[in-house]
Amino acid sequence: MKALITIMIVGATATVHAQAVRHVPPADAESGTQLELVASAPATTPKLVAQIRTRGTTQWTSLELVRRDDSNWVAVVPPASVVEPGVDYYIIAGEQPVFATPDWPHTLTVHAPPDAERRGRDMVRSKGRRSRVSAMGEWVEFGPRKSVADGSNLDDNFYRFDADFSYRLWTYPLEEIRVGYTRLIGDTIDETRTMNVDAGYKVAGWFELGLAAVEGVRVDGRMIVMATAQGFAVGGRGEARLGDRAQSHVAMGVEYLADVGSNGFFRLGWGTVPKLPMSATVEITNLPASYRDAGVRLYYDIARELAPGFRLGLRVGYAARNQGVAGFTGGAGAAVEF
């Protein structure tokens, strides 16, 4: 009879403890951040201990809850223990569970920080390749013009070569940095429309930042330094884009090259065919000389991934400064990602 009474008293005490301790679990947690488990209990409650483990593991770690004030106790889970996919835990008072149990622990979902989740998506899209080397060369022919002096044909064309290295930082809003080299040389008509003159520049270096405060919406800004026939000059380029440059996207932008000219463009790209991205661009430009009349270019780009990380591209189109005379636009490029 005495043993039975003792068992009944112990059981009643455990029930009282369980009823006296109140704990509301957090809704979720962010990976790598400190987590607090708070319980409300009277001062007479036996020592409160939280048993925690990473979800999917078997070993428990004990964390004693310490008094925060007259009625609240807290256990601080260190950031190193707050990892995906979640944290299992239960709380005991003395030796008795008062919240969840070892067999049925409470699971707190742990998610990655927003930037880490976004970085993970970018890693998937780029297949883990953060560096890129690319080169592109093109020929632009606006068609011959007649000299106002003797009626002879005058050339109106230029070629352009761009090479660059880019690295995906993914330190949002800064996504990417690029450095590059550009060469643009042309034959065009002088301001009197009587003779051909050389135009363009042989050397230009530039630096570009790719910014995306919102995922999928990006702005690229470029600063250019050129060595032209008139001396050193500066220029710039800006592009706003919705979507991935190598996949389906819409983009528009402007470029200014001092003493050489400027252009504005609108581009529509699509990546509906696997490993075969395409785009169409409409461009208004007065290259290769700032005093030339504005012309229109329409060109089509297509690329093919020949090996993992290696892509070749082709460009075809036409250019015209008026409705009567037009010329061919063509180019080729290559890119290696690693």
C-alpha atoms as a PDB file:
ATOM      1  CA  MET A   1       0.000   0.000   0.000  1.00  0.00           C
ATOM      2  CA  LYS A   2       2.875   2.417   0.843  1.00  0.00           C
ATOM      3  CA  ALA A   3       4.572   1.738  -2.528  1.00  0.00           C
ATOM      4  CA  LEU A   4       1.310   2.385  -4.372  1.00  0.00           C
ATOM      5  CA  ILE A   5       0.846   5.684  -2.561  1.00  0.00           C
ATOM      6  CA  THR A   6       4.400   6.755  -3.489  1.00  0.00           C
ATOM      7  CA  ILE A   7       3.818   6.005  -7.167  1.00  0.00           C
ATOM      8  CA  MET A   8       0.596   7.949  -7.140  1.00  0.00           C
ATOM      9  CA  ILE A   9       2.295  10.957  -5.511  1.00  0.00           C
ATOM     10  CA  VAL A  10       5.164  10.944  -8.031  1.00  0.00           C
ATOM     11  CA  GLY A  11       2.721  10.711 -10.916  1.00  0.00           C
ATOM     12  CA  ALA A  12       0.653  13.566  -9.552  1.00  0.00           C
ATOM     13  CA  THR A  13       3.794  15.697  -9.134  1.00  0.00           C
ATOM     14  CA  ALA A  14       4.851  15.089 -12.734  1.00  0.00           C
ATOM     15  CA  THR A  15       1.373  16.085 -13.936  1.00  0.00           C
ATOM     16  CA  VAL A  16       1.528  19.278 -11.895  1.00  0.00           C
ATOM     17  CA  HIS A  17       4.927  20.159 -13.369  1.00  0.00           C
ATOM     18  CA  ALA A  18       3.714  19.525 -16.910  1.00  0.00           C
ATOM     19  CA  GLN A  19       0.671  21.717 -16.341  1.00  0.00           C
ATOM     20  CA  ALA A  20       2.707  24.492 -14.698  1.00  0.00           C
ATOM     21  CA  VAL A  21       5.289  24.798 -17.502  1.00  0.00           C
ATOM     22  CA  ARG A  22       4.099  26.621 -20.594  1.00  0.00           C
ATOM     23  CA  HIS A  23       6.126  26.867 -23.777  1.00  0.00           C
ATOM     24  CA  VAL A  24       5.098  28.345 -27.130  1.00  0.00           C
ATOM     25  CA  PRO A  25       7.496  27.120 -29.855  1.00  0.00           C
ATOM     26  CA  PRO A  26       8.787  29.600 -32.447  1.00  0.00           C
ATOM     27  CA  ALA A  27       7.154  29.340 -35.878  1.00  0.00           C
ATOM     28  CA  ASP A  28      10.478  28.807 -37.668  1.00  0.00           C
ATOM     29  CA  ALA A  29      14.117  29.909 -37.601  1.00  0.00           C
ATOM     30  CA  GLU A  30      16.762  31.234 -39.942  1.00  0.00           C
ATOM     31  CA  SER A  31      19.883  29.166 -40.482  1.00  0.00           C
ATOM     32  CA  GLY A  32      22.980  30.430 -38.665  1.00  0.00           C
ATOM     33  CA  THR A  33      21.101  32.680 -36.230  1.00  0.00           C
ATOM     34  CA  GLN A  34      20.679  32.454 -32.483  1.00  0.00           C
ATOM     35  CA  LEU A  35      17.479  30.770 -31.327  1.00  0.00           C
ATOM     36  CA  GLU A  36      15.763  31.268 -27.974  1.00  0.00           C
ATOM     37  CA  LEU A  37      13.438  28.700 -26.368  1.00  0.00           C
ATOM     38  CA  VAL A  38      11.369  30.453 -23.698  1.00  0.00           C
ATOM     39  CA  ALA A  39       9.225  28.727 -21.083  1.00  0.00           C
ATOM     40  CA  SER A  40       6.981  30.143 -18.349  1.00  0.00           C
ATOM     41  CA  ALA A  41       7.188  28.273 -15.038  1.00  0.00           C
ATOM     42  CA  PRO A  42       6.959  28.994 -11.299  1.00  0.00           C
ATOM     43  CA  ALA A  43      10.148  29.289  -9.263  1.00  0.00           C
ATOM     44  CA  THR A  44       9.447  25.938  -7.552  1.00  0.00           C
ATOM     45  CA  THR A  45       9.677  24.026 -10.832  1.00  0.00           C
ATOM     46  CA  PRO A  46      12.601  21.572 -10.998  1.00  0.00           C
ATOM     47  CA  LYS A  47      15.503  22.370 -13.297  1.00  0.00           C
ATOM     48  CA  LEU A  48      14.329  22.887 -16.883  1.00  0.00           C
ATOM     49  CA  VAL A  49      16.464  21.371 -19.637  1.00  0.00           C
ATOM     50  CA  ALA A  50      15.961  21.480 -23.398  1.00  0.00           C
ATOM     51  CA  GLN A  51      17.215  18.477 -25.353  1.00  0.00           C
ATOM     52  CA  ILE A  52      18.011  19.453 -28.943  1.00  0.00           C
ATOM     53  CA  ARG A  53      19.358  17.823 -32.078  1.00  0.00           C
ATOM     54  CA  THR A  54      19.558  18.548 -35.789  1.00  0.00           C
ATOM     55  CA  ARG A  55      16.681  16.953 -37.615  1.00  0.00           C
ATOM     56  CA  GLY A  56      17.778  13.628 -39.110  1.00  0.00           C
ATOM     57  CA  THR A  57      20.419  12.928 -36.442  1.00  0.00           C
ATOM     58  CA  THR A  58      20.149  10.796 -33.298  1.00  0.00           C
ATOM     59  CA  GLN A  59      22.356  12.440 -30.650  1.00  0.00           C
ATOM     60  CA  TRP A  60      20.735  14.887 -28.216  1.00  0.00           C
ATOM     61  CA  THR A  61      22.457  17.930 -26.698  1.00  0.00           C
ATOM     62  CA  SER A  62      21.347  19.322 -23.327  1.00  0.00           C
ATOM     63  CA  LEU A  63      20.737  23.056 -22.810  1.00  0.00           C
ATOM     64  CA  GLU A  64      19.667  24.237 -19.376  1.00  0.00           C
ATOM     65  CA  LEU A  65      17.026  26.937 -19.257  1.00  0.00           C
ATOM     66  CA  VAL A  66      18.136  29.862 -17.077  1.00  0.00           C
ATOM     67  CA  ARG A  67      15.945  32.385 -15.326  1.00  0.00           C
ATOM     68  CA  ARG A  68      15.161  35.522 -17.346  1.00  0.00           C
ATOM     69  CA  ASP A  69      12.724  37.042 -14.851  1.00  0.00           C
ATOM     70  CA  ASP A  70      10.309  35.914 -12.123  1.00  0.00           C
ATOM     71  CA  SER A  71       8.269  33.661 -14.402  1.00  0.00           C
ATOM     72  CA  ASN A  72      10.240  33.094 -17.612  1.00  0.00           C
ATOM     73  CA  TRP A  73      13.137  30.791 -18.355  1.00  0.00           C
ATOM     74  CA  VAL A  74      15.183  30.670 -21.544  1.00  0.00           C
ATOM     75  CA  ALA A  75      17.607  28.359 -23.344  1.00  0.00           C
ATOM     76  CA  VAL A  76      19.794  29.898 -26.063  1.00  0.00           C
ATOM     77  CA  VAL A  77      20.528  27.575 -28.984  1.00  0.00           C
ATOM     78  CA  PRO A  78      23.841  28.683 -30.562  1.00  0.00           C
ATOM     79  CA  PRO A  79      23.852  29.678 -34.272  1.00  0.00           C
ATOM     80  CA  ALA A  80      26.055  26.695 -35.151  1.00  0.00           C
ATOM     81  CA  SER A  81      23.251  24.361 -34.066  1.00  0.00           C
ATOM     82  CA  VAL A  82      20.513  26.147 -36.010  1.00  0.00           C
ATOM     83  CA  VAL A  83      20.905  24.535 -39.422  1.00  0.00           C
ATOM     84  CA  GLU A  84      18.680  23.193 -42.161  1.00  0.00           C
ATOM     85  CA  PRO A  85      16.421  21.279 -42.423  1.00  0.00           C
ATOM     86  CA  GLY A  86      15.353  21.821 -38.823  1.00  0.00           C
ATOM     87  CA  VAL A  87      15.850  21.386 -35.082  1.00  0.00           C
ATOM     88  CA  ASP A  88      14.154  18.653 -33.001  1.00  0.00           C
ATOM     89  CA  TYR A  89      13.715  19.355 -29.289  1.00  0.00           C
ATOM     90  CA  TYR A  90      11.791  18.584 -26.137  1.00  0.00           C
ATOM     91  CA  ILE A  91      11.861  20.085 -22.640  1.00  0.00           C
ATOM     92  CA  ILE A  92      12.056  18.275 -19.310  1.00  0.00           C
ATOM     93  CA  ALA A  93      11.558  19.441 -15.725  1.00  0.00           C
ATOM     94  CA  GLY A  94      13.698  17.298 -13.490  1.00  0.00           C
ATOM     95  CA  GLU A  95      13.381  13.982 -15.300  1.00  0.00           C
ATOM     96  CA  GLN A  96       9.852  14.458 -16.608  1.00  0.00           C
ATOM     97  CA  PRO A  97       8.973  15.765 -20.138  1.00  0.00           C
ATOM     98  CA  VAL A  98       6.893  18.928 -19.964  1.00  0.00           C
ATOM     99  CA  PHE A  99       6.921  19.776 -23.676  1.00  0.00           C
ATOM    100  CA  ALA A 100       7.105  17.038 -26.339  1.00  0.00           C
ATOM    101  CA  THR A 101       8.996  13.786 -25.631  1.00  0.00           C
ATOM    102  CA  PRO A 102      12.128  11.967 -26.843  1.00  0.00           C
ATOM    103  CA  ASP A 103       9.958   9.679 -28.949  1.00  0.00           C
ATOM    104  CA  TRP A 104       7.791  12.540 -30.269  1.00  0.00           C
ATOM    105  CA  PRO A 105       9.971  15.671 -30.285  1.00  0.00           C
ATOM    106  CA  HIS A 106       8.804  18.992 -31.634  1.00  0.00           C
ATOM    107  CA  THR A 107      10.409  19.889 -34.998  1.00  0.00           C
ATOM    108  CA  LEU A 108      11.247  23.506 -35.711  1.00  0.00           C
ATOM    109  CA  THR A 109      11.746  24.205 -39.413  1.00  0.00           C
ATOM    110  CA  VAL A 110      14.982  26.036 -40.263  1.00  0.00           C
ATOM    111  CA  HIS A 111      15.233  27.903 -43.554  1.00  0.00           C
ATOM    112  CA  ALA A 112      18.166  29.557 -45.269  1.00  0.00           C
ATOM    113  CA  PRO A 113      18.520  33.370 -45.187  1.00  0.00           C
ATOM    114  CA  PRO A 114      16.880  35.084 -48.200  1.00  0.00           C
ATOM    115  CA  ASP A 115      20.237  35.911 -49.806  1.00  0.00           C
ATOM    116  CA  ALA A 116      21.427  32.332 -49.368  1.00  0.00           C
ATOM    117  CA  GLU A 117      18.264  30.967 -50.986  1.00  0.00           C
ATOM    118  CA  ARG A 118      18.672  33.391 -53.882  1.00  0.00           C
ATOM    119  CA  ARG A 119      22.350  32.501 -54.207  1.00  0.00           C
ATOM    120  CA  GLY A 120      21.367  28.854 -54.365  1.00  0.00           C
ATOM    121  CA  ARG A 121      18.968  29.542 -57.235  1.00  0.00           C
ATOM    122  CA  ASP A 122      21.658  31.514 -59.055  1.00  0.00           C
ATOM    123  CA  MET A 123      24.092  28.636 -58.551  1.00  0.00           C
ATOM    124  CA  VAL A 124      21.589  26.260 -60.140  1.00  0.00           C
ATOM    125  CA  ARG A 125      20.978  28.583 -63.105  1.00  0.00           C
ATOM    126  CA  SER A 126      24.710  29.028 -63.714  1.00  0.00           C
ATOM    127  CA  LYS A 127      25.485  25.365 -62.932  1.00  0.00           C
ATOM    128  CA  GLY A 128      27.979  26.522 -60.326  1.00  0.00           C
ATOM    129  CA  ARG A 129      30.083  28.506 -62.805  1.00  0.00           C
ATOM    130  CA  ARG A 130      30.967  31.942 -61.461  1.00  0.00           C
ATOM    131  CA  SER A 131      33.609  33.127 -63.976  1.00  0.00           C
ATOM    132  CA  ARG A 132      33.145  33.898 -67.648  1.00  0.00           C
ATOM    133  CA  VAL A 133      35.472  34.899 -70.489  1.00  0.00           C
ATOM    134  CA  SER A 134      33.863  36.053 -73.721  1.00  0.00           C
ATOM    135  CA  ALA A 135      34.728  37.737 -77.011  1.00  0.00           C
ATOM    136  CA  MET A 136      32.567  39.125 -79.813  1.00  0.00           C
ATOM    137  CA  GLY A 137      33.470  40.613 -83.187  1.00  0.00           C
ATOM    138  CA  GLU A 138      31.095  42.140 -85.729  1.00  0.00           C
ATOM    139  CA  TRP A 139      31.089  43.960 -89.054  1.00  0.00           C
ATOM    140  CA  VAL A 140      28.524  46.710 -89.693  1.00  0.00           C
ATOM    141  CA  GLU A 141      27.953  47.972 -93.248  1.00  0.00           C
ATOM    142  CA  PHE A 142      25.536  50.842 -93.833  1.00  0.00           C
ATOM    143  CA  GLY A 143      26.006  50.754 -97.599  1.00  0.00           C
ATOM    144  CA  PRO A 144      27.942  53.106 -99.922  1.00  0.00           C
ATOM    145  CA  ARG A 145      27.092  56.786-100.263  1.00  0.00           C
ATOM    146  CA  LYS A 146      27.679  59.142-103.161  1.00  0.00           C
ATOM    147  CA  SER A 147      30.175  61.937-102.812  1.00  0.00           C
ATOM    148  CA  VAL A 148      28.565  65.344-103.327  1.00  0.00           C
ATOM    149  CA  ALA A 149      31.777  66.454-105.044  1.00  0.00           C
ATOM    150  CA  ASP A 150      32.215  63.916-107.848  1.00  0.00           C
ATOM    151  CA  GLY A 151      29.525  61.238-107.357  1.00  0.00           C
ATOM    152  CA  SER A 152      31.989  58.501-106.395  1.00  0.00           C
ATOM    153  CA  ASN A 153      31.080  55.838-103.852  1.00  0.00           C
ATOM    154  CA  LEU A 154      32.117  56.497-100.262  1.00  0.00           C
ATOM    155  CA  ASP A 155      32.330  53.791 -97.613  1.00  0.00           C
ATOM    156  CA  ASP A 156      30.210  53.842 -94.468  1.00  0.00           C
ATOM    157  CA  ASN A 157      31.090  50.932 -92.200  1.00  0.00           C
ATOM    158  CA  PHE A 158      32.911  49.847 -89.068  1.00  0.00           C
ATOM    159  CA  TYR A 159      34.009  46.750 -87.232  1.00  0.00           C
ATOM    160  CA  ARG A 160      33.869  46.252 -83.489  1.00  0.00           C
ATOM    161  CA  PHE A 161      35.597  43.771 -81.197  1.00  0.00           C
ATOM    162  CA  ASP A 162      34.770  43.284 -77.503  1.00  0.00           C
ATOM    163  CA  ALA A 163      36.462  40.976 -75.005  1.00  0.00           C
ATOM    164  CA  ASP A 164      35.728  40.742 -71.310  1.00  0.00           C
ATOM    165  CA  PHE A 165      36.054  38.791 -68.088  1.00  0.00           C
ATOM    166  CA  SER A 166      33.189  38.664 -65.596  1.00  0.00           C
ATOM    167  CA  TYR A 167      32.774  37.213 -62.132  1.00  0.00           C
ATOM    168  CA  ARG A 168      29.508  36.544 -60.339  1.00  0.00           C
ATOM    169  CA  LEU A 169      29.872  37.905 -56.812  1.00  0.00           C
ATOM    170  CA  TRP A 170      26.258  37.360 -55.688  1.00  0.00           C
ATOM    171  CA  THR A 171      26.645  39.874 -52.856  1.00  0.00           C
ATOM    172  CA  TYR A 172      23.237  41.394 -53.483  1.00  0.00           C
ATOM    173  CA  PRO A 173      22.337  43.863 -54.777  1.00  0.00           C
ATOM    174  CA  LEU A 174      25.722  43.519 -56.540  1.00  0.00           C
ATOM    175  CA  GLU A 175      25.470  40.399 -58.694  1.00  0.00           C
ATOM    176  CA  GLU A 176      28.408  40.633 -61.066  1.00  0.00           C
ATOM    177  CA  ILE A 177      31.482  42.641 -62.058  1.00  0.00           C
ATOM    178  CA  ARG A 178      33.010  42.805 -65.549  1.00  0.00           C
ATOM    179  CA  VAL A 179      36.167  44.257 -67.032  1.00  0.00           C
ATOM    180  CA  GLY A 180      36.738  44.450 -70.762  1.00  0.00           C
ATOM    181  CA  TYR A 181      38.457  45.786 -73.850  1.00  0.00           C
ATOM    182  CA  THR A 182      36.828  47.267 -76.952  1.00  0.00           C
ATOM    183  CA  ARG A 183      38.187  48.190 -80.364  1.00  0.00           C
ATOM    184  CA  LEU A 184      36.040  50.058 -82.899  1.00  0.00           C
ATOM    185  CA  ILE A 185      37.460  51.130 -86.271  1.00  0.00           C
ATOM    186  CA  GLY A 186      35.461  52.490 -89.207  1.00  0.00           C
ATOM    187  CA  ASP A 187      35.479  54.223 -92.586  1.00  0.00           C
ATOM    188  CA  THR A 188      32.857  56.887 -92.854  1.00  0.00           C
ATOM    189  CA  ILE A 189      32.075  60.143 -94.642  1.00  0.00           C
ATOM    190  CA  ASP A 190      33.389  63.494 -93.501  1.00  0.00           C
ATOM    191  CA  GLU A 191      31.074  66.313 -92.521  1.00  0.00           C
ATOM    192  CA  THR A 192      31.254  67.847 -96.018  1.00  0.00           C
ATOM    193  CA  ARG A 193      30.163  64.501 -97.569  1.00  0.00           C
ATOM    194  CA  THR A 194      32.991  64.665-100.068  1.00  0.00           C
ATOM    195  CA  MET A 195      35.533  62.087 -98.861  1.00  0.00           C
ATOM    196  CA  ASN A 196      36.157  59.087 -96.641  1.00  0.00           C
ATOM    197  CA  VAL A 197      37.779  59.507 -93.235  1.00  0.00           C
ATOM    198  CA  ASP A 198      38.909  57.116 -90.516  1.00  0.00           C
ATOM    199  CA  ALA A 199      36.768  56.929 -87.395  1.00  0.00           C
ATOM    200  CA  GLY A 200      36.618  55.108 -84.100  1.00  0.00           C
ATOM    201  CA  TYR A 201      39.334  54.121 -81.654  1.00  0.00           C
ATOM    202  CA  LYS A 202      41.843  51.313 -81.266  1.00  0.00           C
ATOM    203  CA  VAL A 203      41.858  50.940 -77.504  1.00  0.00           C
ATOM    204  CA  ALA A 204      39.164  51.296 -74.872  1.00  0.00           C
ATOM    205  CA  GLY A 205      39.001  49.757 -71.428  1.00  0.00           C
ATOM    206  CA  TRP A 206      35.914  49.514 -69.303  1.00  0.00           C
ATOM    207  CA  PHE A 207      34.546  48.390 -65.969  1.00  0.00           C
ATOM    208  CA  GLU A 208      30.950  47.297 -65.374  1.00  0.00           C
ATOM    209  CA  LEU A 209      28.735  46.518 -62.392  1.00  0.00           C
ATOM    210  CA  GLY A 210      25.644  44.329 -62.575  1.00  0.00           C
ATOM    211  CA  LEU A 211      23.103  45.341 -59.909  1.00  0.00           C
ATOM    212  CA  ALA A 212      19.893  43.502 -59.024  1.00  0.00           C
ATOM    213  CA  ALA A 213      18.105  44.604 -55.871  1.00  0.00           C
ATOM    214  CA  VAL A 214      15.150  42.456 -56.959  1.00  0.00           C
ATOM    215  CA  GLU A 215      15.734  38.977 -58.321  1.00  0.00           C
ATOM    216  CA  GLY A 216      15.213  38.872 -62.075  1.00  0.00           C
ATOM    217  CA  VAL A 217      15.424  42.651 -62.554  1.00  0.00           C
ATOM    218  CA  ARG A 218      18.925  43.866 -63.307  1.00  0.00           C
ATOM    219  CA  VAL A 219      20.699  47.098 -64.229  1.00  0.00           C
ATOM    220  CA  ASP A 220      24.199  47.064 -65.747  1.00  0.00           C
ATOM    221  CA  GLY A 221      26.312  50.210 -65.595  1.00  0.00           C
ATOM    222  CA  ARG A 222      29.608  50.585 -67.486  1.00  0.00           C
ATOM    223  CA  MET A 223      32.354  53.231 -67.366  1.00  0.00           C
ATOM    224  CA  ILE A 224      34.543  53.428 -70.487  1.00  0.00           C
ATOM    225  CA  VAL A 225      37.909  55.130 -71.083  1.00  0.00           C
ATOM    226  CA  MET A 226      38.966  55.448 -74.759  1.00  0.00           C
ATOM    227  CA  ALA A 227      42.006  56.560 -76.730  1.00  0.00           C
ATOM    228  CA  THR A 228      40.475  58.303 -79.774  1.00  0.00           C
ATOM    229  CA  ALA A 229      42.049  60.344 -82.569  1.00  0.00           C
ATOM    230  CA  GLN A 230      41.263  63.475 -80.541  1.00  0.00           C
ATOM    231  CA  GLY A 231      42.880  62.115 -77.343  1.00  0.00           C
ATOM    232  CA  PHE A 232      41.597  60.359 -74.260  1.00  0.00           C
ATOM    233  CA  ALA A 233      37.848  60.415 -73.769  1.00  0.00           C
ATOM    234  CA  VAL A 234      35.236  58.751 -71.591  1.00  0.00           C
ATOM    235  CA  GLY A 235      31.976  57.049 -72.274  1.00  0.00           C
ATOM    236  CA  GLY A 236      29.368  54.912 -70.643  1.00  0.00           C
ATOM    237  CA  ARG A 237      26.793  52.226 -71.177  1.00  0.00           C
ATOM    238  CA  GLY A 238      23.649  51.290 -69.287  1.00  0.00           C
ATOM    239  CA  GLU A 239      21.250  48.391 -69.683  1.00  0.00           C
ATOM    240  CA  ALA A 240      18.059  47.512 -67.822  1.00  0.00           C
ATOM    241  CA  ARG A 241      16.934  43.899 -68.154  1.00  0.00           C
ATOM    242  CA  LEU A 242      14.036  41.753 -67.029  1.00  0.00           C
ATOM    243  CA  GLY A 243      15.027  38.081 -67.044  1.00  0.00           C
ATOM    244  CA  ASP A 244      18.241  36.135 -67.552  1.00  0.00           C
ATOM    245  CA  ARG A 245      20.603  37.406 -70.297  1.00  0.00           C
ATOM    246  CA  ALA A 246      21.268  33.846 -71.519  1.00  0.00           C
ATOM    247  CA  GLN A 247      17.590  32.863 -71.405  1.00  0.00           C
ATOM    248  CA  SER A 248      14.243  34.576 -72.023  1.00  0.00           C
ATOM    249  CA  HIS A 249      14.461  38.301 -71.290  1.00  0.00           C
ATOM    250  CA  VAL A 250      13.567  41.833 -72.325  1.00  0.00           C
ATOM    251  CA  ALA A 251      16.234  44.537 -72.255  1.00  0.00           C
ATOM    252  CA  MET A 252      16.810  48.115 -73.290  1.00  0.00           C
ATOM    253  CA  GLY A 253      19.802  50.393 -72.952  1.00  0.00           C
ATOM    254  CA  VAL A 254      22.009  53.185 -74.237  1.00  0.00           C
ATOM    255  CA  GLU A 255      25.714  53.593 -74.957  1.00  0.00           C
ATOM    256  CA  TYR A 256      27.691  56.809 -75.321  1.00  0.00           C
ATOM    257  CA  LEU A 257      31.199  56.909 -76.798  1.00  0.00           C
ATOM    258  CA  ALA A 258      32.684  60.413 -76.832  1.00  0.00           C
ATOM    259  CA  ASP A 259      33.825  61.583 -80.321  1.00  0.00           C
ATOM    260  CA  VAL A 260      32.634  58.270 -81.786  1.00  0.00           C
ATOM    261  CA  GLY A 261      28.869  58.234 -81.381  1.00  0.00           C
ATOM    262  CA  SER A 262      26.084  56.675 -79.368  1.00  0.00           C
ATOM    263  CA  ASN A 263      23.381  54.076 -79.672  1.00  0.00           C
ATOM    264  CA  GLY A 264      20.150  53.012 -78.045  1.00  0.00           C
ATOM    265  CA  PHE A 265      18.718  49.510 -78.284  1.00  0.00           C
ATOM    266  CA  PHE A 266      15.828  47.236 -77.436  1.00  0.00           C
ATOM    267  CA  ARG A 267      16.376  43.466 -77.220  1.00  0.00           C
ATOM    268  CA  LEU A 268      14.019  40.536 -76.900  1.00  0.00           C
ATOM    269  CA  GLY A 269      15.567  37.187 -76.027  1.00  0.00           C
ATOM    270  CA  TRP A 270      14.136  33.728 -75.617  1.00  0.00           C
ATOM    271  CA  GLY A 271      15.521  30.444 -74.341  1.00  0.00           C
ATOM    272  CA  THR A 272      12.738  28.067 -75.289  1.00  0.00           C
ATOM    273  CA  VAL A 273      15.081  25.731 -77.175  1.00  0.00           C
ATOM    274  CA  PRO A 274      17.486  23.935 -74.798  1.00  0.00           C
ATOM    275  CA  LYS A 275      21.136  25.010 -75.212  1.00  0.00           C
ATOM    276  CA  LEU A 276      20.166  27.360 -78.063  1.00  0.00           C
ATOM    277  CA  PRO A 277      19.441  30.885 -76.729  1.00  0.00           C
ATOM    278  CA  MET A 278      18.330  33.470 -79.302  1.00  0.00           C
ATOM    279  CA  SER A 279      17.583  37.186 -79.354  1.00  0.00           C
ATOM    280  CA  ALA A 280      16.509  39.956 -81.707  1.00  0.00           C
ATOM    281  CA  THR A 281      17.719  43.538 -81.303  1.00  0.00           C
ATOM    282  CA  VAL A 282      16.672  46.858 -82.770  1.00  0.00           C
ATOM    283  CA  GLU A 283      19.311  49.580 -82.466  1.00  0.00           C
ATOM    284  CA  ILE A 284      19.467  53.268 -83.361  1.00  0.00           C
ATOM    285  CA  THR A 285      23.025  54.556 -83.768  1.00  0.00           C
ATOM    286  CA  ASN A 286      25.248  57.137 -85.420  1.00  0.00           C
ATOM    287  CA  LEU A 287      28.460  55.122 -85.068  1.00  0.00           C
ATOM    288  CA  PRO A 288      31.266  55.287 -86.053  1.00  0.00           C
ATOM    289  CA  ALA A 289      31.303  59.127 -85.869  1.00  0.00           C
ATOM    290  CA  SER A 290      29.266  61.379 -83.613  1.00  0.00           C
ATOM    291  CA  TYR A 291      28.398  63.788 -86.460  1.00  0.00           C
ATOM    292  CA  ARG A 292      26.882  61.087 -88.706  1.00  0.00           C
ATOM    293  CA  ASP A 293      23.147  60.762 -89.279  1.00  0.00           C
ATOM    294  CA  ALA A 294      21.368  58.252 -87.088  1.00  0.00           C
ATOM    295  CA  GLY A 295      20.830  54.843 -88.623  1.00  0.00           C
ATOM    296  CA  VAL A 296      18.881  51.737 -87.720  1.00  0.00           C
ATOM    297  CA  ARG A 297      20.248  48.257 -87.162  1.00  0.00           C
ATOM    298  CA  LEU A 298      18.213  45.081 -86.856  1.00  0.00           C
ATOM    299  CA  TYR A 299      20.099  41.912 -86.000  1.00  0.00           C
ATOM    300  CA  TYR A 300      19.468  38.403 -84.776  1.00  0.00           C
ATOM    301  CA  ASP A 301      21.742  36.464 -82.385  1.00  0.00           C
ATOM    302  CA  ILE A 302      21.832  32.721 -81.906  1.00  0.00           C
ATOM    303  CA  ALA A 303      24.217  30.704 -79.733  1.00  0.00           C
ATOM    304  CA  ARG A 304      24.949  27.035 -79.287  1.00  0.00           C
ATOM    305  CA  GLU A 305      26.425  25.277 -76.258  1.00  0.00           C
ATOM    306  CA  LEU A 306      28.926  22.876 -77.805  1.00  0.00           C
ATOM    307  CA  ALA A 307      30.325  21.589 -74.510  1.00  0.00           C
ATOM    308  CA  PRO A 308      29.594  22.222 -70.832  1.00  0.00           C
ATOM    309  CA  GLY A 309      30.507  25.864 -70.227  1.00  0.00           C
ATOM    310  CA  PHE A 310      31.552  26.554 -73.850  1.00  0.00           C
ATOM    311  CA  ARG A 311      29.284  28.455 -76.251  1.00  0.00           C
ATOM    312  CA  LEU A 312      29.618  29.804 -79.795  1.00  0.00           C
ATOM    313  CA  GLY A 313      27.354  32.501 -81.188  1.00  0.00           C
ATOM    314  CA  LEU A 314      26.486  34.042 -84.564  1.00  0.00           C
ATOM    315  CA  ARG A 315      24.939  37.405 -85.478  1.00  0.00           C
ATOM    316  CA  VAL A 316      23.239  38.381 -88.742  1.00  0.00           C
ATOM    317  CA  GLY A 317      21.271  41.473 -89.697  1.00  0.00           C
ATOM    318  CA  TYR A 318      21.290  44.703 -91.647  1.00  0.00           C
ATOM    319  CA  ALA A 319      21.998  48.392 -91.075  1.00  0.00           C
ATOM    320  CA  ALA A 320      20.673  51.478 -92.882  1.00  0.00           C
ATOM    321  CA  ARG A 321      20.827  55.246 -92.498  1.00  0.00           C
ATOM    322  CA  ASN A 322      17.936  55.853 -94.908  1.00  0.00           C
ATOM    323  CA  GLN A 323      15.327  53.860 -96.799  1.00  0.00           C
ATOM    324  CA  GLY A 324      17.328  53.694-100.020  1.00  0.00           C
ATOM    325  CA  VAL A 325      20.665  52.208 -98.917  1.00  0.00           C
ATOM    326  CA  ALA A 326      21.333  49.349 -96.501  1.00  0.00           C
ATOM    327  CA  GLY A 327      24.174  47.006 -95.671  1.00  0.00           C
ATOM    328  CA  PHE A 328      24.988  43.736 -93.934  1.00  0.00           C
ATOM    329  CA  THR A 329      25.633  43.165 -90.247  1.00  0.00           C
ATOM    330  CA  GLY A 330      27.399  39.985 -89.231  1.00  0.00           C
ATOM    331  CA  GLY A 331      29.468  38.727 -86.353  1.00  0.00           C
ATOM    332  CA  ALA A 332      30.584  35.809 -84.232  1.00  0.00           C
ATOM    333  CA  GLY A 333      31.471  35.285 -80.612  1.00  0.00           C
ATOM    334  CA  ALA A 334      32.523  32.713 -78.061  1.00  0.00           C
ATOM    335  CA  ALA A 335      32.158  32.387 -74.297  1.00  0.00           C
ATOM    336  CA  VAL A 336      33.700  30.051 -71.719  1.00  0.00           C
ATOM    337  CA  GLU A 337      32.246  29.731 -68.220  1.00  0.00           C
ATOM    338  CA  PHE A 338      34.012  28.031 -65.343  1.00  0.00           C
END
